[in-house]
Amino acid sequence: MKKLAAHADVIIENAPPGQWDEWGIGYRQLSQLNPRLVYAWVGQLGQWGPLKDKPGNLDPTAQAACGFVHGTGAPVAFGGTPTRSGWWMCDQVGGTGAAIGIMTALNYREEVSGRGQFVEATGAAGVIRILDYNWGWYGVDGSIRPRYGNWDLAINIYAVNPCKDGQIMVGGGHDRLWYRIWRTVGKDKPEVEQHIVEDPALKEVTARLPHYKQVETYTSLCEWMKDNTRSEAETKLQAEEVASGGVSFIDEVCEFPHYKYRGHLEIIDDVNYGKVLIGASAFLGQRTPGRVKWIGRPIGQDNEDVYRRLLGFTKADMDNLKAKGVI
């Protein structure tokens, strides 16, 4: 490892806190051999702190520990319970935070200091940073933002609700959009539009936020949406320039013409797994377009290339390391 570190710009590790220090290959030791090294640790609870050695705070428990799960899912009044994300959000957000930290450290090295540094990221910390106004609520008066399912505590209408063939998201975050929504509804059900727009208790944005006002407006909207498919409702709402869109199934996402045109999904012909459908790079750059080189490497895939090219090992050297369980 020390020999490899001499060649490296970045090392990423996620052993238990302090493990590599005990082995003599932590940042303190490796940075002496390569002062330009950026050393990133990505893990559960951090390299320091009172709970750093607590085991098992992987993605699902990190989601629960950082406050995210408590705020996700339908409210108790709707029979709901806290719900973790269906995908590995802490891993994704924490890993993205680590990537940003690494790039920042590399830029600082090249533009300012000439030296590397230690970078750390955890999944829980990453998600804590994106819990938007949860912290504002609590900081102002100790309020804990409750779960509210597909509805929104700060905007009405701004929610996913059922329609004829699934669910559709409709956004009406200010008065102009609010009245456009009901103008759309009124073309098919004028009595519903009249009921809503003539209610003096619904004239202002803040007046629409109490729970029973939300129940009234969403019930009225669903009276119209139940007779429209996702496509029909979306077409009618967008004719009035209302932000809206159906909740897509995965097969619909794969075949969505706009996404296909922009290359959001691609089939990669991987050397190990053959042709696999994946989400493509998340960004499009004019001069530095993102690309996916591979979808995952079996353990040891690059051993021969790395050890031969960087360290000059022979096949006998590598066979000896394999026999000892080193690689």
C-alpha atoms as a PDB file:
ATOM      1  CA  MET A   1       0.000   0.000   0.000  1.00  0.00           C
ATOM      2  CA  LYS A   2       2.792   2.430   0.808  1.00  0.00           C
ATOM      3  CA  LYS A   3       4.361   1.795  -2.575  1.00  0.00           C
ATOM      4  CA  LEU A   4       1.018   2.288  -4.324  1.00  0.00           C
ATOM      5  CA  ALA A   5       0.278   5.464  -2.357  1.00  0.00           C
ATOM      6  CA  ALA A   6       3.397   7.067  -3.758  1.00  0.00           C
ATOM      7  CA  HIS A   7       1.730   6.973  -7.200  1.00  0.00           C
ATOM      8  CA  ALA A   8      -1.805   7.935  -6.134  1.00  0.00           C
ATOM      9  CA  ASP A   9      -3.756  11.178  -6.347  1.00  0.00           C
ATOM     10  CA  VAL A  10      -6.632   9.778  -4.269  1.00  0.00           C
ATOM     11  CA  ILE A  11      -7.146   6.865  -1.901  1.00  0.00           C
ATOM     12  CA  ILE A  12     -10.655   5.962  -0.723  1.00  0.00           C
ATOM     13  CA  GLU A  13     -11.170   3.548   2.172  1.00  0.00           C
ATOM     14  CA  ASN A  14     -14.005   2.521   4.480  1.00  0.00           C
ATOM     15  CA  ALA A  15     -12.409   0.269   7.077  1.00  0.00           C
ATOM     16  CA  PRO A  16     -13.462   0.705  10.729  1.00  0.00           C
ATOM     17  CA  PRO A  17     -12.216   4.000  12.208  1.00  0.00           C
ATOM     18  CA  GLY A  18      -8.523   3.859  13.066  1.00  0.00           C
ATOM     19  CA  GLN A  19      -7.957   0.461  11.438  1.00  0.00           C
ATOM     20  CA  TRP A  20      -5.560   1.689   8.771  1.00  0.00           C
ATOM     21  CA  ASP A  21      -3.727   3.828  11.321  1.00  0.00           C
ATOM     22  CA  GLU A  22      -3.115   0.703  13.389  1.00  0.00           C
ATOM     23  CA  TRP A  23      -1.755  -0.998  10.292  1.00  0.00           C
ATOM     24  CA  GLY A  24       0.561   1.947   9.600  1.00  0.00           C
ATOM     25  CA  ILE A  25      -1.153   2.927   6.348  1.00  0.00           C
ATOM     26  CA  GLY A  26      -3.545   5.664   7.518  1.00  0.00           C
ATOM     27  CA  TYR A  27      -3.468   9.234   6.271  1.00  0.00           C
ATOM     28  CA  ARG A  28      -0.844  10.289   8.808  1.00  0.00           C
ATOM     29  CA  GLN A  29       1.632   7.738   7.501  1.00  0.00           C
ATOM     30  CA  LEU A  30       0.792   7.806   3.798  1.00  0.00           C
ATOM     31  CA  SER A  31       0.801  11.620   3.584  1.00  0.00           C
ATOM     32  CA  GLN A  32       4.409  11.599   4.760  1.00  0.00           C
ATOM     33  CA  LEU A  33       5.283   9.395   1.789  1.00  0.00           C
ATOM     34  CA  ASN A  34       3.121  11.377  -0.649  1.00  0.00           C
ATOM     35  CA  PRO A  35       2.286  14.913   0.562  1.00  0.00           C
ATOM     36  CA  ARG A  36       0.020  15.454  -2.469  1.00  0.00           C
ATOM     37  CA  LEU A  37      -2.226  12.523  -1.541  1.00  0.00           C
ATOM     38  CA  VAL A  38      -5.967  13.164  -1.057  1.00  0.00           C
ATOM     39  CA  TYR A  39      -7.179  10.522   1.389  1.00  0.00           C
ATOM     40  CA  ALA A  40     -10.957  10.015   1.636  1.00  0.00           C
ATOM     41  CA  TRP A  41     -12.707   7.974   4.299  1.00  0.00           C
ATOM     42  CA  VAL A  42     -16.360   7.088   3.641  1.00  0.00           C
ATOM     43  CA  GLY A  43     -18.206   5.274   6.386  1.00  0.00           C
ATOM     44  CA  GLN A  44     -21.017   5.194   8.894  1.00  0.00           C
ATOM     45  CA  LEU A  45     -20.489   7.452  11.926  1.00  0.00           C
ATOM     46  CA  GLY A  46     -17.151   9.084  11.275  1.00  0.00           C
ATOM     47  CA  GLN A  47     -13.503   8.653  12.227  1.00  0.00           C
ATOM     48  CA  TRP A  48     -14.004  10.498  15.526  1.00  0.00           C
ATOM     49  CA  GLY A  49     -16.783  11.221  18.007  1.00  0.00           C
ATOM     50  CA  PRO A  50     -18.377   9.281  20.899  1.00  0.00           C
ATOM     51  CA  LEU A  51     -20.133   6.752  18.643  1.00  0.00           C
ATOM     52  CA  LYS A  52     -17.419   6.281  16.038  1.00  0.00           C
ATOM     53  CA  ASP A  53     -16.942   2.604  16.943  1.00  0.00           C
ATOM     54  CA  LYS A  54     -20.637   1.706  17.031  1.00  0.00           C
ATOM     55  CA  PRO A  55     -21.164  -0.996  14.384  1.00  0.00           C
ATOM     56  CA  GLY A  56     -23.931  -1.426  11.890  1.00  0.00           C
ATOM     57  CA  ASN A  57     -24.965   2.116  10.953  1.00  0.00           C
ATOM     58  CA  LEU A  58     -25.226   1.255   7.273  1.00  0.00           C
ATOM     59  CA  ASP A  59     -27.667   2.821   4.816  1.00  0.00           C
ATOM     60  CA  PRO A  60     -31.042   1.732   6.313  1.00  0.00           C
ATOM     61  CA  THR A  61     -30.113   2.579   9.886  1.00  0.00           C
ATOM     62  CA  ALA A  62     -28.387   5.784   8.797  1.00  0.00           C
ATOM     63  CA  GLN A  63     -31.624   6.847   7.066  1.00  0.00           C
ATOM     64  CA  ALA A  64     -33.478   6.249  10.319  1.00  0.00           C
ATOM     65  CA  ALA A  65     -30.826   7.887  12.510  1.00  0.00           C
ATOM     66  CA  CYS A  66     -30.623  11.187  10.609  1.00  0.00           C
ATOM     67  CA  GLY A  67     -34.325  12.089  10.773  1.00  0.00           C
ATOM     68  CA  PHE A  68     -35.201  11.274   7.187  1.00  0.00           C
ATOM     69  CA  VAL A  69     -37.343   8.191   7.833  1.00  0.00           C
ATOM     70  CA  HIS A  70     -39.438   9.928  10.488  1.00  0.00           C
ATOM     71  CA  GLY A  71     -40.551  12.523   7.956  1.00  0.00           C
ATOM     72  CA  THR A  72     -41.286  10.144   5.081  1.00  0.00           C
ATOM     73  CA  GLY A  73     -44.532   8.263   4.563  1.00  0.00           C
ATOM     74  CA  ALA A  74     -48.193   8.961   5.159  1.00  0.00           C
ATOM     75  CA  PRO A  75     -49.286  10.598   8.430  1.00  0.00           C
ATOM     76  CA  VAL A  76     -50.750   8.593  11.298  1.00  0.00           C
ATOM     77  CA  ALA A  77     -54.220   9.969  10.482  1.00  0.00           C
ATOM     78  CA  PHE A  78     -53.955   8.233   7.096  1.00  0.00           C
ATOM     79  CA  GLY A  79     -52.750   4.973   8.617  1.00  0.00           C
ATOM     80  CA  GLY A  80     -49.139   5.649   7.678  1.00  0.00           C
ATOM     81  CA  THR A  81     -45.876   4.881   9.428  1.00  0.00           C
ATOM     82  CA  PRO A  82     -42.286   6.122   8.957  1.00  0.00           C
ATOM     83  CA  THR A  83     -40.937   4.822   5.656  1.00  0.00           C
ATOM     84  CA  ARG A  84     -37.346   4.497   4.532  1.00  0.00           C
ATOM     85  CA  SER A  85     -36.370   5.342   1.000  1.00  0.00           C
ATOM     86  CA  GLY A  86     -36.827   2.528  -1.501  1.00  0.00           C
ATOM     87  CA  TRP A  87     -33.289   3.109  -2.773  1.00  0.00           C
ATOM     88  CA  TRP A  88     -30.011   3.426  -0.879  1.00  0.00           C
ATOM     89  CA  MET A  89     -30.198   7.165  -0.344  1.00  0.00           C
ATOM     90  CA  CYS A  90     -27.589   7.525   2.399  1.00  0.00           C
ATOM     91  CA  ASP A  91     -25.064   5.595   0.334  1.00  0.00           C
ATOM     92  CA  GLN A  92     -25.820   7.679  -2.748  1.00  0.00           C
ATOM     93  CA  VAL A  93     -25.905  11.087  -1.029  1.00  0.00           C
ATOM     94  CA  GLY A  94     -22.974  10.281   1.247  1.00  0.00           C
ATOM     95  CA  GLY A  95     -20.953   9.011  -1.697  1.00  0.00           C
ATOM     96  CA  THR A  96     -21.779  12.123  -3.698  1.00  0.00           C
ATOM     97  CA  GLY A  97     -20.640  14.255  -0.768  1.00  0.00           C
ATOM     98  CA  ALA A  98     -17.377  12.322  -0.692  1.00  0.00           C
ATOM     99  CA  ALA A  99     -16.880  12.848  -4.433  1.00  0.00           C
ATOM    100  CA  ILE A 100     -17.440  16.595  -4.074  1.00  0.00           C
ATOM    101  CA  GLY A 101     -15.021  16.694  -1.124  1.00  0.00           C
ATOM    102  CA  ILE A 102     -12.379  14.844  -3.134  1.00  0.00           C
ATOM    103  CA  MET A 103     -12.727  17.180  -6.116  1.00  0.00           C
ATOM    104  CA  THR A 104     -12.563  20.203  -3.803  1.00  0.00           C
ATOM    105  CA  ALA A 105      -9.393  18.867  -2.198  1.00  0.00           C
ATOM    106  CA  LEU A 106      -7.794  18.201  -5.585  1.00  0.00           C
ATOM    107  CA  ASN A 107      -8.662  21.704  -6.773  1.00  0.00           C
ATOM    108  CA  TYR A 108      -7.263  23.224  -3.567  1.00  0.00           C
ATOM    109  CA  ARG A 109      -4.101  21.178  -4.003  1.00  0.00           C
ATOM    110  CA  GLU A 110      -3.607  22.321  -7.592  1.00  0.00           C
ATOM    111  CA  GLU A 111      -4.609  25.967  -7.151  1.00  0.00           C
ATOM    112  CA  VAL A 112      -3.527  26.844  -3.603  1.00  0.00           C
ATOM    113  CA  SER A 113      -1.535  24.552  -1.360  1.00  0.00           C
ATOM    114  CA  GLY A 114       0.286  22.008  -3.475  1.00  0.00           C
ATOM    115  CA  ARG A 115      -0.587  19.447  -0.809  1.00  0.00           C
ATOM    116  CA  GLY A 116      -3.319  16.864  -0.341  1.00  0.00           C
ATOM    117  CA  GLN A 117      -5.575  16.487   2.677  1.00  0.00           C
ATOM    118  CA  PHE A 118      -7.877  14.161   4.597  1.00  0.00           C
ATOM    119  CA  VAL A 119     -11.534  14.123   3.456  1.00  0.00           C
ATOM    120  CA  GLU A 120     -14.397  12.397   5.258  1.00  0.00           C
ATOM    121  CA  ALA A 121     -18.059  11.792   4.417  1.00  0.00           C
ATOM    122  CA  THR A 122     -20.867   9.786   5.997  1.00  0.00           C
ATOM    123  CA  GLY A 123     -24.306   8.877   4.709  1.00  0.00           C
ATOM    124  CA  ALA A 124     -26.192  10.350   7.659  1.00  0.00           C
ATOM    125  CA  ALA A 125     -24.321  13.649   7.413  1.00  0.00           C
ATOM    126  CA  GLY A 126     -25.087  13.855   3.708  1.00  0.00           C
ATOM    127  CA  VAL A 127     -28.823  13.393   4.208  1.00  0.00           C
ATOM    128  CA  ILE A 128     -28.932  15.788   7.188  1.00  0.00           C
ATOM    129  CA  ARG A 129     -27.776  18.482   4.752  1.00  0.00           C
ATOM    130  CA  ILE A 130     -30.809  17.955   2.489  1.00  0.00           C
ATOM    131  CA  LEU A 131     -33.618  17.853   5.060  1.00  0.00           C
ATOM    132  CA  ASP A 132     -34.504  21.412   4.004  1.00  0.00           C
ATOM    133  CA  TYR A 133     -36.806  23.226   6.392  1.00  0.00           C
ATOM    134  CA  ASN A 134     -36.968  20.529   9.069  1.00  0.00           C
ATOM    135  CA  TRP A 135     -34.174  22.449  10.778  1.00  0.00           C
ATOM    136  CA  GLY A 136     -35.909  25.782  10.286  1.00  0.00           C
ATOM    137  CA  TRP A 137     -39.073  24.488  11.983  1.00  0.00           C
ATOM    138  CA  TYR A 138     -37.198  23.115  14.960  1.00  0.00           C
ATOM    139  CA  GLY A 139     -34.828  26.061  15.233  1.00  0.00           C
ATOM    140  CA  VAL A 140     -37.619  28.638  15.375  1.00  0.00           C
ATOM    141  CA  ASP A 141     -39.866  27.164  18.062  1.00  0.00           C
ATOM    142  CA  GLY A 142     -38.979  23.506  18.624  1.00  0.00           C
ATOM    143  CA  SER A 143     -41.596  22.203  16.173  1.00  0.00           C
ATOM    144  CA  ILE A 144     -41.024  18.780  14.639  1.00  0.00           C
ATOM    145  CA  ARG A 145     -42.156  18.725  11.045  1.00  0.00           C
ATOM    146  CA  PRO A 146     -44.707  15.894  10.765  1.00  0.00           C
ATOM    147  CA  ARG A 147     -45.074  13.335   8.019  1.00  0.00           C
ATOM    148  CA  TYR A 148     -47.538  14.441   5.373  1.00  0.00           C
ATOM    149  CA  GLY A 149     -47.286  11.776   2.701  1.00  0.00           C
ATOM    150  CA  ASN A 150     -47.774  12.946  -0.867  1.00  0.00           C
ATOM    151  CA  TRP A 151     -49.094  16.315   0.262  1.00  0.00           C
ATOM    152  CA  ASP A 152     -47.030  19.342   1.249  1.00  0.00           C
ATOM    153  CA  LEU A 153     -47.090  21.266   4.511  1.00  0.00           C
ATOM    154  CA  ALA A 154     -46.111  24.584   2.940  1.00  0.00           C
ATOM    155  CA  ILE A 155     -48.000  24.575  -0.370  1.00  0.00           C
ATOM    156  CA  ASN A 156     -51.523  23.634  -1.405  1.00  0.00           C
ATOM    157  CA  ILE A 157     -51.851  22.337  -4.167  1.00  0.00           C
ATOM    158  CA  TYR A 158     -48.468  20.603  -4.467  1.00  0.00           C
ATOM    159  CA  ALA A 159     -48.978  16.870  -4.373  1.00  0.00           C
ATOM    160  CA  VAL A 160     -49.301  13.456  -5.940  1.00  0.00           C
ATOM    161  CA  ASN A 161     -52.902  12.247  -6.076  1.00  0.00           C
ATOM    162  CA  PRO A 162     -54.782   9.446  -7.868  1.00  0.00           C
ATOM    163  CA  CYS A 163     -56.294   9.703 -11.318  1.00  0.00           C
ATOM    164  CA  LYS A 164     -57.961   7.228 -13.659  1.00  0.00           C
ATOM    165  CA  ASP A 165     -54.911   5.104 -14.468  1.00  0.00           C
ATOM    166  CA  GLY A 166     -52.421   5.852 -11.727  1.00  0.00           C
ATOM    167  CA  GLN A 167     -51.096   8.924  -9.944  1.00  0.00           C
ATOM    168  CA  ILE A 168     -50.237  12.435 -11.070  1.00  0.00           C
ATOM    169  CA  MET A 169     -48.224  15.262  -9.542  1.00  0.00           C
ATOM    170  CA  VAL A 170     -49.797  18.730  -9.732  1.00  0.00           C
ATOM    171  CA  GLY A 171     -47.934  21.839  -8.552  1.00  0.00           C
ATOM    172  CA  GLY A 172     -49.684  25.089  -7.692  1.00  0.00           C
ATOM    173  CA  GLY A 173     -47.288  26.953  -5.460  1.00  0.00           C
ATOM    174  CA  HIS A 174     -48.740  30.436  -5.837  1.00  0.00           C
ATOM    175  CA  ASP A 175     -52.048  32.178  -6.582  1.00  0.00           C
ATOM    176  CA  ARG A 176     -51.579  32.382 -10.325  1.00  0.00           C
ATOM    177  CA  LEU A 177     -51.110  28.620 -10.644  1.00  0.00           C
ATOM    178  CA  TRP A 178     -53.839  27.934  -8.083  1.00  0.00           C
ATOM    179  CA  TYR A 179     -56.497  29.609 -10.219  1.00  0.00           C
ATOM    180  CA  ARG A 180     -55.140  28.015 -13.400  1.00  0.00           C
ATOM    181  CA  ILE A 181     -55.635  24.588 -11.836  1.00  0.00           C
ATOM    182  CA  TRP A 182     -59.273  25.300 -11.056  1.00  0.00           C
ATOM    183  CA  ARG A 183     -59.810  26.906 -14.458  1.00  0.00           C
ATOM    184  CA  THR A 184     -58.665  23.591 -15.948  1.00  0.00           C
ATOM    185  CA  VAL A 185     -60.991  21.634 -13.672  1.00  0.00           C
ATOM    186  CA  GLY A 186     -63.860  24.008 -14.454  1.00  0.00           C
ATOM    187  CA  LYS A 187     -63.797  23.190 -18.143  1.00  0.00           C
ATOM    188  CA  ASP A 188     -65.092  19.722 -17.248  1.00  0.00           C
ATOM    189  CA  LYS A 189     -66.673  20.361 -13.845  1.00  0.00           C
ATOM    190  CA  PRO A 190     -67.646  24.029 -13.464  1.00  0.00           C
ATOM    191  CA  GLU A 191     -69.389  23.338 -10.175  1.00  0.00           C
ATOM    192  CA  VAL A 192     -66.098  22.159  -8.637  1.00  0.00           C
ATOM    193  CA  GLU A 193     -64.249  25.283  -9.773  1.00  0.00           C
ATOM    194  CA  GLN A 194     -67.023  27.482  -8.437  1.00  0.00           C
ATOM    195  CA  HIS A 195     -67.018  25.734  -5.069  1.00  0.00           C
ATOM    196  CA  ILE A 196     -63.283  26.289  -4.612  1.00  0.00           C
ATOM    197  CA  VAL A 197     -62.656  29.763  -6.041  1.00  0.00           C
ATOM    198  CA  GLU A 198     -65.656  31.309  -4.281  1.00  0.00           C
ATOM    199  CA  ASP A 199     -64.617  30.018  -0.861  1.00  0.00           C
ATOM    200  CA  PRO A 200     -63.334  33.092   1.036  1.00  0.00           C
ATOM    201  CA  ALA A 201     -61.250  30.838   3.296  1.00  0.00           C
ATOM    202  CA  LEU A 202     -59.129  29.717   0.325  1.00  0.00           C
ATOM    203  CA  LYS A 203     -58.223  33.097  -1.137  1.00  0.00           C
ATOM    204  CA  GLU A 204     -54.639  33.270   0.196  1.00  0.00           C
ATOM    205  CA  VAL A 205     -51.787  30.769   0.093  1.00  0.00           C
ATOM    206  CA  THR A 206     -51.359  30.575   3.848  1.00  0.00           C
ATOM    207  CA  ALA A 207     -55.113  30.194   4.425  1.00  0.00           C
ATOM    208  CA  ARG A 208     -55.066  26.968   2.382  1.00  0.00           C
ATOM    209  CA  LEU A 209     -52.483  25.187   4.533  1.00  0.00           C
ATOM    210  CA  PRO A 210     -54.508  23.872   7.519  1.00  0.00           C
ATOM    211  CA  HIS A 211     -55.183  20.162   7.218  1.00  0.00           C
ATOM    212  CA  TYR A 212     -58.923  20.292   6.609  1.00  0.00           C
ATOM    213  CA  LYS A 213     -58.500  22.943   3.915  1.00  0.00           C
ATOM    214  CA  GLN A 214     -56.047  20.601   2.183  1.00  0.00           C
ATOM    215  CA  VAL A 215     -58.532  17.727   2.495  1.00  0.00           C
ATOM    216  CA  GLU A 216     -61.205  19.908   0.896  1.00  0.00           C
ATOM    217  CA  THR A 217     -59.080  21.026  -2.045  1.00  0.00           C
ATOM    218  CA  TYR A 218     -57.526  17.636  -2.811  1.00  0.00           C
ATOM    219  CA  THR A 219     -60.890  15.882  -2.556  1.00  0.00           C
ATOM    220  CA  SER A 220     -62.302  18.379  -5.033  1.00  0.00           C
ATOM    221  CA  LEU A 221     -59.330  17.966  -7.386  1.00  0.00           C
ATOM    222  CA  CYS A 222     -59.641  14.174  -7.278  1.00  0.00           C
ATOM    223  CA  GLU A 223     -63.295  14.450  -8.279  1.00  0.00           C
ATOM    224  CA  TRP A 224     -61.986  15.749 -11.577  1.00  0.00           C
ATOM    225  CA  MET A 225     -58.857  13.567 -11.835  1.00  0.00           C
ATOM    226  CA  LYS A 226     -60.742  10.292 -11.368  1.00  0.00           C
ATOM    227  CA  ASP A 227     -62.280  10.784 -14.817  1.00  0.00           C
ATOM    228  CA  ASN A 228     -58.935  11.570 -16.493  1.00  0.00           C
ATOM    229  CA  THR A 229     -55.925   9.435 -17.261  1.00  0.00           C
ATOM    230  CA  ARG A 230     -52.457  10.697 -16.376  1.00  0.00           C
ATOM    231  CA  SER A 231     -51.926  11.782 -19.964  1.00  0.00           C
ATOM    232  CA  GLU A 232     -55.308  13.488 -20.255  1.00  0.00           C
ATOM    233  CA  ALA A 233     -54.949  15.357 -16.971  1.00  0.00           C
ATOM    234  CA  GLU A 234     -51.389  16.397 -17.763  1.00  0.00           C
ATOM    235  CA  THR A 235     -52.358  17.643 -21.233  1.00  0.00           C
ATOM    236  CA  LYS A 236     -55.255  19.712 -19.873  1.00  0.00           C
ATOM    237  CA  LEU A 237     -53.240  21.185 -17.012  1.00  0.00           C
ATOM    238  CA  GLN A 238     -50.256  22.041 -19.177  1.00  0.00           C
ATOM    239  CA  ALA A 239     -52.560  23.830 -21.593  1.00  0.00           C
ATOM    240  CA  GLU A 240     -53.023  26.279 -18.714  1.00  0.00           C
ATOM    241  CA  GLU A 241     -49.257  26.240 -18.019  1.00  0.00           C
ATOM    242  CA  VAL A 242     -49.639  24.304 -14.757  1.00  0.00           C
ATOM    243  CA  ALA A 243     -46.619  22.246 -13.687  1.00  0.00           C
ATOM    244  CA  SER A 244     -47.846  18.661 -13.699  1.00  0.00           C
ATOM    245  CA  GLY A 245     -46.859  15.154 -14.674  1.00  0.00           C
ATOM    246  CA  GLY A 246     -47.885  11.555 -14.225  1.00  0.00           C
ATOM    247  CA  VAL A 247     -46.045   9.217 -11.874  1.00  0.00           C
ATOM    248  CA  SER A 248     -44.162   7.001 -14.314  1.00  0.00           C
ATOM    249  CA  PHE A 249     -43.496   3.296 -14.067  1.00  0.00           C
ATOM    250  CA  ILE A 250     -39.937   2.149 -14.775  1.00  0.00           C
ATOM    251  CA  ASP A 251     -40.844   0.737 -18.189  1.00  0.00           C
ATOM    252  CA  GLU A 252     -42.370   4.090 -19.130  1.00  0.00           C
ATOM    253  CA  VAL A 253     -39.208   5.890 -18.043  1.00  0.00           C
ATOM    254  CA  CYS A 254     -37.145   3.575 -20.244  1.00  0.00           C
ATOM    255  CA  GLU A 255     -39.291   4.336 -23.271  1.00  0.00           C
ATOM    256  CA  PHE A 256     -39.867   8.051 -22.608  1.00  0.00           C
ATOM    257  CA  PRO A 257     -38.831   9.781 -25.873  1.00  0.00           C
ATOM    258  CA  HIS A 258     -37.266  12.831 -24.231  1.00  0.00           C
ATOM    259  CA  TYR A 259     -35.062  10.755 -21.946  1.00  0.00           C
ATOM    260  CA  LYS A 260     -34.068   8.478 -24.815  1.00  0.00           C
ATOM    261  CA  TYR A 261     -33.183  11.483 -26.967  1.00  0.00           C
ATOM    262  CA  ARG A 262     -31.011  12.943 -24.227  1.00  0.00           C
ATOM    263  CA  GLY A 263     -29.363   9.619 -23.395  1.00  0.00           C
ATOM    264  CA  HIS A 264     -30.448   9.378 -19.752  1.00  0.00           C
ATOM    265  CA  LEU A 265     -30.455   5.588 -20.036  1.00  0.00           C
ATOM    266  CA  GLU A 266     -27.961   3.536 -21.967  1.00  0.00           C
ATOM    267  CA  ILE A 267     -27.027  -0.052 -22.648  1.00  0.00           C
ATOM    268  CA  ILE A 268     -23.395  -0.595 -21.732  1.00  0.00           C
ATOM    269  CA  ASP A 269     -21.554  -3.571 -23.171  1.00  0.00           C
ATOM    270  CA  ASP A 270     -19.536  -4.514 -20.105  1.00  0.00           C
ATOM    271  CA  VAL A 271     -16.517  -6.787 -20.393  1.00  0.00           C
ATOM    272  CA  ASN A 272     -17.713  -8.911 -17.459  1.00  0.00           C
ATOM    273  CA  TYR A 273     -21.496  -8.859 -17.683  1.00  0.00           C
ATOM    274  CA  GLY A 274     -22.338  -8.237 -21.318  1.00  0.00           C
ATOM    275  CA  LYS A 275     -25.060  -5.779 -22.302  1.00  0.00           C
ATOM    276  CA  VAL A 276     -26.703  -4.164 -19.271  1.00  0.00           C
ATOM    277  CA  LEU A 277     -29.235  -1.322 -19.118  1.00  0.00           C
ATOM    278  CA  ILE A 278     -28.080   1.421 -16.738  1.00  0.00           C
ATOM    279  CA  GLY A 279     -28.713   5.039 -15.852  1.00  0.00           C
ATOM    280  CA  ALA A 280     -26.170   7.056 -17.814  1.00  0.00           C
ATOM    281  CA  SER A 281     -23.946   9.828 -16.481  1.00  0.00           C
ATOM    282  CA  ALA A 282     -25.907  12.371 -14.466  1.00  0.00           C
ATOM    283  CA  PHE A 283     -24.413  15.378 -16.240  1.00  0.00           C
ATOM    284  CA  LEU A 284     -23.849  16.548 -19.790  1.00  0.00           C
ATOM    285  CA  GLY A 285     -20.767  18.689 -20.323  1.00  0.00           C
ATOM    286  CA  GLN A 286     -19.949  20.525 -23.521  1.00  0.00           C
ATOM    287  CA  ARG A 287     -16.236  19.746 -23.323  1.00  0.00           C
ATOM    288  CA  THR A 288     -16.154  17.162 -20.549  1.00  0.00           C
ATOM    289  CA  PRO A 289     -19.180  14.917 -21.068  1.00  0.00           C
ATOM    290  CA  GLY A 290     -19.785  12.324 -18.384  1.00  0.00           C
ATOM    291  CA  ARG A 291     -19.397   8.689 -19.292  1.00  0.00           C
ATOM    292  CA  VAL A 292     -19.726   5.299 -17.642  1.00  0.00           C
ATOM    293  CA  LYS A 293     -16.612   3.198 -18.192  1.00  0.00           C
ATOM    294  CA  TRP A 294     -17.821   0.086 -16.382  1.00  0.00           C
ATOM    295  CA  ILE A 295     -20.595  -0.960 -14.033  1.00  0.00           C
ATOM    296  CA  GLY A 296     -18.556  -2.726 -11.375  1.00  0.00           C
ATOM    297  CA  ARG A 297     -15.330  -4.650 -11.159  1.00  0.00           C
ATOM    298  CA  PRO A 298     -14.910  -8.117  -9.655  1.00  0.00           C
ATOM    299  CA  ILE A 299     -12.436  -8.117  -6.754  1.00  0.00           C
ATOM    300  CA  GLY A 300      -8.913  -8.159  -8.147  1.00  0.00           C
ATOM    301  CA  GLN A 301      -9.943  -7.355 -11.733  1.00  0.00           C
ATOM    302  CA  ASP A 302      -7.184  -4.757 -12.105  1.00  0.00           C
ATOM    303  CA  ASN A 303      -4.516  -6.368  -9.936  1.00  0.00           C
ATOM    304  CA  GLU A 304      -2.253  -7.404 -12.761  1.00  0.00           C
ATOM    305  CA  ASP A 305      -2.404  -4.029 -14.515  1.00  0.00           C
ATOM    306  CA  VAL A 306      -1.872  -2.010 -11.320  1.00  0.00           C
ATOM    307  CA  TYR A 307       0.868  -4.081  -9.728  1.00  0.00           C
ATOM    308  CA  ARG A 308       2.782  -4.705 -12.934  1.00  0.00           C
ATOM    309  CA  ARG A 309       2.524  -1.130 -14.234  1.00  0.00           C
ATOM    310  CA  LEU A 310       3.048   0.798 -10.991  1.00  0.00           C
ATOM    311  CA  LEU A 311       5.219  -1.552  -8.944  1.00  0.00           C
ATOM    312  CA  GLY A 312       6.898  -3.769 -11.536  1.00  0.00           C
ATOM    313  CA  PHE A 313       5.653  -6.996  -9.943  1.00  0.00           C
ATOM    314  CA  THR A 314       6.104 -10.237 -11.839  1.00  0.00           C
ATOM    315  CA  LYS A 315       3.532 -13.010 -12.089  1.00  0.00           C
ATOM    316  CA  ALA A 316       5.503 -14.893  -9.445  1.00  0.00           C
ATOM    317  CA  ASP A 317       5.263 -11.882  -7.114  1.00  0.00           C
ATOM    318  CA  MET A 318       1.489 -11.764  -7.504  1.00  0.00           C
ATOM    319  CA  ASP A 319       1.082 -15.522  -7.117  1.00  0.00           C
ATOM    320  CA  ASN A 320       3.015 -15.255  -3.845  1.00  0.00           C
ATOM    321  CA  LEU A 321       0.754 -12.424  -2.575  1.00  0.00           C
ATOM    322  CA  LYS A 322      -2.360 -14.388  -3.556  1.00  0.00           C
ATOM    323  CA  ALA A 323      -1.089 -17.451  -1.715  1.00  0.00           C
ATOM    324  CA  LYS A 324      -0.640 -15.348   1.445  1.00  0.00           C
ATOM    325  CA  GLY A 325      -4.111 -13.827   1.109  1.00  0.00           C
ATOM    326  CA  VAL A 326      -2.746 -10.301   0.621  1.00  0.00           C
ATOM    327  CA  ILE A 327      -4.467  -9.778  -2.738  1.00  0.00           C
END
